[in-house]
Amino acid sequence: MNNFTSFSPDDQSAHRQFDQLEASVLFCPHCKEAVPVRKKLLLALPDGDKYDYLCVYCGNSVGTKLERQEIPIQIIL
């Protein structure tokens, strides 16, 4: 008897589950340890938003992330 539910690889909800990951702790070279981070919007680009991850203790940048938009933006001239 199998009590586990199996998921097919084509299940869209399984793919969307890990679509956007958020960092909560990253290594800071200045503090020389893994530290909590704050996410700050750096740039709003046509293909998505670029975020900067900042150390909560010293404020140094410890990483970036580009969140691409699902719907492309059309620019009308």
C-alpha atoms as a PDB file:
ATOM      1  CA  MET A   1       0.000   0.000   0.000  1.00  0.00           C
ATOM      2  CA  ASN A   2       1.420   3.355  -1.077  1.00  0.00           C
ATOM      3  CA  ASN A   3       0.518   6.361   1.099  1.00  0.00           C
ATOM      4  CA  PHE A   4       2.475   8.854  -1.004  1.00  0.00           C
ATOM      5  CA  THR A   5       1.012  11.030  -3.723  1.00  0.00           C
ATOM      6  CA  SER A   6       2.992  11.034  -6.936  1.00  0.00           C
ATOM      7  CA  PHE A   7       3.334  14.080  -9.160  1.00  0.00           C
ATOM      8  CA  SER A   8       3.878  13.969 -12.863  1.00  0.00           C
ATOM      9  CA  PRO A   9       6.838  15.967 -14.234  1.00  0.00           C
ATOM     10  CA  ASP A  10       4.410  17.917 -16.422  1.00  0.00           C
ATOM     11  CA  ASP A  11       2.511  19.287 -13.429  1.00  0.00           C
ATOM     12  CA  GLN A  12       2.625  23.100 -13.835  1.00  0.00           C
ATOM     13  CA  SER A  13       2.102  23.797 -10.127  1.00  0.00           C
ATOM     14  CA  ALA A  14       5.305  21.903  -9.316  1.00  0.00           C
ATOM     15  CA  HIS A  15       7.257  24.081 -11.771  1.00  0.00           C
ATOM     16  CA  ARG A  16       5.757  27.323 -10.448  1.00  0.00           C
ATOM     17  CA  GLN A  17       6.503  26.369  -6.849  1.00  0.00           C
ATOM     18  CA  PHE A  18      10.186  27.235  -7.259  1.00  0.00           C
ATOM     19  CA  ASP A  19       9.789  29.908  -9.939  1.00  0.00           C
ATOM     20  CA  GLN A  20      10.900  32.770  -7.691  1.00  0.00           C
ATOM     21  CA  LEU A  21      13.245  32.062  -4.784  1.00  0.00           C
ATOM     22  CA  GLU A  22      14.040  34.704  -2.182  1.00  0.00           C
ATOM     23  CA  ALA A  23      17.381  34.868  -0.366  1.00  0.00           C
ATOM     24  CA  SER A  24      17.115  35.367   3.381  1.00  0.00           C
ATOM     25  CA  VAL A  25      20.771  34.754   4.347  1.00  0.00           C
ATOM     26  CA  LEU A  26      23.874  35.339   2.184  1.00  0.00           C
ATOM     27  CA  PHE A  27      27.625  35.456   2.840  1.00  0.00           C
ATOM     28  CA  CYS A  28      28.981  38.965   3.486  1.00  0.00           C
ATOM     29  CA  PRO A  29      32.692  39.371   2.612  1.00  0.00           C
ATOM     30  CA  HIS A  30      32.998  42.373   4.955  1.00  0.00           C
ATOM     31  CA  CYS A  31      31.444  40.648   7.999  1.00  0.00           C
ATOM     32  CA  LYS A  32      33.042  37.309   6.963  1.00  0.00           C
ATOM     33  CA  GLU A  33      29.928  35.281   7.796  1.00  0.00           C
ATOM     34  CA  ALA A  34      26.457  34.434   6.541  1.00  0.00           C
ATOM     35  CA  VAL A  35      24.140  37.301   7.465  1.00  0.00           C
ATOM     36  CA  PRO A  36      20.463  38.197   7.015  1.00  0.00           C
ATOM     37  CA  VAL A  37      19.844  40.388   3.977  1.00  0.00           C
ATOM     38  CA  ARG A  38      17.452  43.127   2.913  1.00  0.00           C
ATOM     39  CA  LYS A  39      16.098  43.211  -0.632  1.00  0.00           C
ATOM     40  CA  LYS A  40      16.173  46.670  -2.271  1.00  0.00           C
ATOM     41  CA  LEU A  41      14.881  47.634  -5.726  1.00  0.00           C
ATOM     42  CA  LEU A  42      17.891  48.812  -7.712  1.00  0.00           C
ATOM     43  CA  LEU A  43      16.545  49.312 -11.257  1.00  0.00           C
ATOM     44  CA  ALA A  44      13.215  49.031 -13.049  1.00  0.00           C
ATOM     45  CA  LEU A  45      14.158  47.625 -16.461  1.00  0.00           C
ATOM     46  CA  PRO A  46      11.923  46.889 -19.478  1.00  0.00           C
ATOM     47  CA  ASP A  47      12.494  43.138 -19.137  1.00  0.00           C
ATOM     48  CA  GLY A  48      12.135  43.024 -15.333  1.00  0.00           C
ATOM     49  CA  ASP A  49      13.223  44.508 -12.022  1.00  0.00           C
ATOM     50  CA  LYS A  50      16.782  44.292 -10.673  1.00  0.00           C
ATOM     51  CA  TYR A  51      17.128  43.941  -6.908  1.00  0.00           C
ATOM     52  CA  ASP A  52      20.165  44.352  -4.669  1.00  0.00           C
ATOM     53  CA  TYR A  53      20.642  42.252  -1.526  1.00  0.00           C
ATOM     54  CA  LEU A  54      22.193  44.258   1.330  1.00  0.00           C
ATOM     55  CA  CYS A  55      23.789  43.006   4.552  1.00  0.00           C
ATOM     56  CA  VAL A  56      21.639  44.104   7.514  1.00  0.00           C
ATOM     57  CA  TYR A  57      24.734  44.740   9.674  1.00  0.00           C
ATOM     58  CA  CYS A  58      27.164  46.685   7.460  1.00  0.00           C
ATOM     59  CA  GLY A  59      24.934  47.656   4.492  1.00  0.00           C
ATOM     60  CA  ASN A  60      27.288  46.249   1.822  1.00  0.00           C
ATOM     61  CA  SER A  61      25.867  44.692  -1.317  1.00  0.00           C
ATOM     62  CA  VAL A  62      26.125  40.890  -1.138  1.00  0.00           C
ATOM     63  CA  GLY A  63      24.200  39.930  -4.284  1.00  0.00           C
ATOM     64  CA  THR A  64      21.729  40.901  -6.998  1.00  0.00           C
ATOM     65  CA  LYS A  65      18.653  39.351  -8.567  1.00  0.00           C
ATOM     66  CA  LEU A  66      16.819  40.043 -11.826  1.00  0.00           C
ATOM     67  CA  GLU A  67      13.111  39.208 -11.684  1.00  0.00           C
ATOM     68  CA  ARG A  68      11.902  38.886 -15.247  1.00  0.00           C
ATOM     69  CA  GLN A  69       8.339  39.883 -16.059  1.00  0.00           C
ATOM     70  CA  GLU A  70       6.087  37.194 -17.494  1.00  0.00           C
ATOM     71  CA  ILE A  71       4.327  39.579 -19.874  1.00  0.00           C
ATOM     72  CA  PRO A  72       6.735  41.545 -22.102  1.00  0.00           C
ATOM     73  CA  ILE A  73       6.283  45.310 -22.058  1.00  0.00           C
ATOM     74  CA  GLN A  74       5.546  46.925 -25.412  1.00  0.00           C
ATOM     75  CA  ILE A  75       7.012  50.370 -25.953  1.00  0.00           C
ATOM     76  CA  ILE A  76       5.026  52.557 -28.332  1.00  0.00           C
ATOM     77  CA  LEU A  77       6.873  55.413 -30.022  1.00  0.00           C
END
